[in-house]
């Protein structure tokens, strides 16, 4: 009986750690997205004025798309982890 309780406690701790990791991944992805948006906006303005090469603008645009996809992925992962944590009784 003690062994089953220990396993359940470890399972709950693993779920909680997994949830925290997913939250941290989302925060990191959101920070990257913020930076990508700023860079893209700068490059967009510079391109309008002819002060930056098109390749730099294209790179900034691609970085923005990648960052948006990373946030979407991190949000999905967090939603999955929250659902899993609820099933196993870990705190949200």
C-alpha atoms as a PDB file:
ATOM      1  CA  UNK A   1       0.000   0.000   0.000  1.00  0.00           C
ATOM      2  CA  UNK A   2       2.851   2.401   0.850  1.00  0.00           C
ATOM      3  CA  UNK A   3       4.517   1.614  -2.461  1.00  0.00           C
ATOM      4  CA  UNK A   4       1.345   2.472  -4.402  1.00  0.00           C
ATOM      5  CA  UNK A   5       1.047   5.775  -2.518  1.00  0.00           C
ATOM      6  CA  UNK A   6       4.690   6.569  -3.280  1.00  0.00           C
ATOM      7  CA  UNK A   7       4.167   5.844  -6.966  1.00  0.00           C
ATOM      8  CA  UNK A   8       1.062   8.014  -7.043  1.00  0.00           C
ATOM      9  CA  UNK A   9       2.960  10.841  -5.359  1.00  0.00           C
ATOM     10  CA  UNK A  10       5.803  10.550  -7.879  1.00  0.00           C
ATOM     11  CA  UNK A  11       3.297  10.457 -10.732  1.00  0.00           C
ATOM     12  CA  UNK A  12       1.664  13.628  -9.443  1.00  0.00           C
ATOM     13  CA  UNK A  13       5.067  15.309  -9.043  1.00  0.00           C
ATOM     14  CA  UNK A  14       6.046  14.315 -12.586  1.00  0.00           C
ATOM     15  CA  UNK A  15       2.810  15.784 -13.940  1.00  0.00           C
ATOM     16  CA  UNK A  16       3.366  19.000 -11.991  1.00  0.00           C
ATOM     17  CA  UNK A  17       6.932  19.278 -13.283  1.00  0.00           C
ATOM     18  CA  UNK A  18       5.736  18.639 -16.814  1.00  0.00           C
ATOM     19  CA  UNK A  19       3.102  21.357 -16.441  1.00  0.00           C
ATOM     20  CA  UNK A  20       5.670  23.846 -15.135  1.00  0.00           C
ATOM     21  CA  UNK A  21       7.975  23.016 -18.012  1.00  0.00           C
ATOM     22  CA  UNK A  22       5.169  23.627 -20.516  1.00  0.00           C
ATOM     23  CA  UNK A  23       4.401  26.969 -18.837  1.00  0.00           C
ATOM     24  CA  UNK A  24       8.053  27.976 -19.076  1.00  0.00           C
ATOM     25  CA  UNK A  25       8.182  26.940 -22.736  1.00  0.00           C
ATOM     26  CA  UNK A  26       5.150  29.107 -23.473  1.00  0.00           C
ATOM     27  CA  UNK A  27       6.659  32.104 -21.688  1.00  0.00           C
ATOM     28  CA  UNK A  28       9.874  31.680 -23.659  1.00  0.00           C
ATOM     29  CA  UNK A  29       8.005  31.365 -26.960  1.00  0.00           C
ATOM     30  CA  UNK A  30       5.970  34.490 -26.158  1.00  0.00           C
ATOM     31  CA  UNK A  31       9.151  36.458 -25.421  1.00  0.00           C
ATOM     32  CA  UNK A  32      10.635  35.298 -28.715  1.00  0.00           C
ATOM     33  CA  UNK A  33       7.442  36.342 -30.498  1.00  0.00           C
ATOM     34  CA  UNK A  34       7.571  39.803 -28.937  1.00  0.00           C
ATOM     35  CA  UNK A  35      11.141  40.257 -30.130  1.00  0.00           C
ATOM     36  CA  UNK A  36      10.275  38.955 -33.603  1.00  0.00           C
ATOM     37  CA  UNK A  37       7.357  41.394 -33.874  1.00  0.00           C
ATOM     38  CA  UNK A  38       9.589  44.309 -32.925  1.00  0.00           C
ATOM     39  CA  UNK A  39      12.267  43.269 -35.393  1.00  0.00           C
ATOM     40  CA  UNK A  40       9.732  42.760 -38.164  1.00  0.00           C
ATOM     41  CA  UNK A  41       8.160  46.164 -37.521  1.00  0.00           C
ATOM     42  CA  UNK A  42      11.572  47.827 -37.647  1.00  0.00           C
ATOM     43  CA  UNK A  43      12.516  46.051 -40.852  1.00  0.00           C
ATOM     44  CA  UNK A  44       9.161  46.909 -42.396  1.00  0.00           C
ATOM     45  CA  UNK A  45       9.674  50.617 -41.741  1.00  0.00           C
ATOM     46  CA  UNK A  46      13.262  50.492 -42.942  1.00  0.00           C
ATOM     47  CA  UNK A  47      12.202  48.693 -46.120  1.00  0.00           C
ATOM     48  CA  UNK A  48       9.586  51.365 -46.861  1.00  0.00           C
ATOM     49  CA  UNK A  49      12.300  54.003 -46.681  1.00  0.00           C
ATOM     50  CA  UNK A  50      14.739  51.950 -48.709  1.00  0.00           C
ATOM     51  CA  UNK A  51      17.134  51.641 -45.756  1.00  0.00           C
ATOM     52  CA  UNK A  52      17.304  47.867 -45.512  1.00  0.00           C
ATOM     53  CA  UNK A  53      17.760  45.096 -48.062  1.00  0.00           C
ATOM     54  CA  UNK A  54      14.742  42.977 -48.935  1.00  0.00           C
ATOM     55  CA  UNK A  55      16.601  39.894 -47.661  1.00  0.00           C
ATOM     56  CA  UNK A  56      16.722  41.311 -44.112  1.00  0.00           C
ATOM     57  CA  UNK A  57      13.020  42.067 -44.249  1.00  0.00           C
ATOM     58  CA  UNK A  58      12.314  38.550 -45.518  1.00  0.00           C
ATOM     59  CA  UNK A  59      14.410  37.081 -42.681  1.00  0.00           C
ATOM     60  CA  UNK A  60      12.472  39.122 -40.130  1.00  0.00           C
ATOM     61  CA  UNK A  61       9.184  38.027 -41.649  1.00  0.00           C
ATOM     62  CA  UNK A  62      10.212  34.370 -41.527  1.00  0.00           C
ATOM     63  CA  UNK A  63      11.381  34.743 -37.921  1.00  0.00           C
ATOM     64  CA  UNK A  64       7.986  36.220 -37.057  1.00  0.00           C
ATOM     65  CA  UNK A  65       6.128  33.310 -38.674  1.00  0.00           C
ATOM     66  CA  UNK A  66       8.351  30.819 -36.872  1.00  0.00           C
ATOM     67  CA  UNK A  67       7.821  32.550 -33.528  1.00  0.00           C
ATOM     68  CA  UNK A  68       4.046  32.552 -34.059  1.00  0.00           C
ATOM     69  CA  UNK A  69       4.123  28.822 -34.777  1.00  0.00           C
ATOM     70  CA  UNK A  70       6.233  28.198 -31.670  1.00  0.00           C
ATOM     71  CA  UNK A  71       3.705  30.036 -29.496  1.00  0.00           C
ATOM     72  CA  UNK A  72       0.849  28.015 -30.991  1.00  0.00           C
ATOM     73  CA  UNK A  73       2.749  24.802 -30.350  1.00  0.00           C
ATOM     74  CA  UNK A  74       3.607  25.811 -26.780  1.00  0.00           C
ATOM     75  CA  UNK A  75      -0.039  26.744 -26.117  1.00  0.00           C
ATOM     76  CA  UNK A  76      -1.200  23.354 -27.382  1.00  0.00           C
ATOM     77  CA  UNK A  77       1.418  21.581 -25.286  1.00  0.00           C
ATOM     78  CA  UNK A  78       0.359  23.517 -22.187  1.00  0.00           C
ATOM     79  CA  UNK A  79      -3.318  22.735 -22.802  1.00  0.00           C
ATOM     80  CA  UNK A  80      -2.436  19.055 -23.135  1.00  0.00           C
ATOM     81  CA  UNK A  81      -0.372  19.133 -19.938  1.00  0.00           C
ATOM     82  CA  UNK A  82      -3.151  20.905 -18.028  1.00  0.00           C
ATOM     83  CA  UNK A  83      -5.621  18.258 -19.123  1.00  0.00           C
ATOM     84  CA  UNK A  84      -3.231  15.504 -18.156  1.00  0.00           C
ATOM     85  CA  UNK A  85      -2.501  17.142 -14.792  1.00  0.00           C
ATOM     86  CA  UNK A  86      -6.229  17.363 -14.025  1.00  0.00           C
ATOM     87  CA  UNK A  87      -6.636  13.670 -14.762  1.00  0.00           C
ATOM     88  CA  UNK A  88      -3.821  12.829 -12.365  1.00  0.00           C
ATOM     89  CA  UNK A  89      -4.849  15.279  -9.655  1.00  0.00           C
ATOM     90  CA  UNK A  90      -1.846  17.614  -9.952  1.00  0.00           C
ATOM     91  CA  UNK A  91      -2.379  21.306  -9.198  1.00  0.00           C
ATOM     92  CA  UNK A  92      -3.020  23.601 -12.184  1.00  0.00           C
END
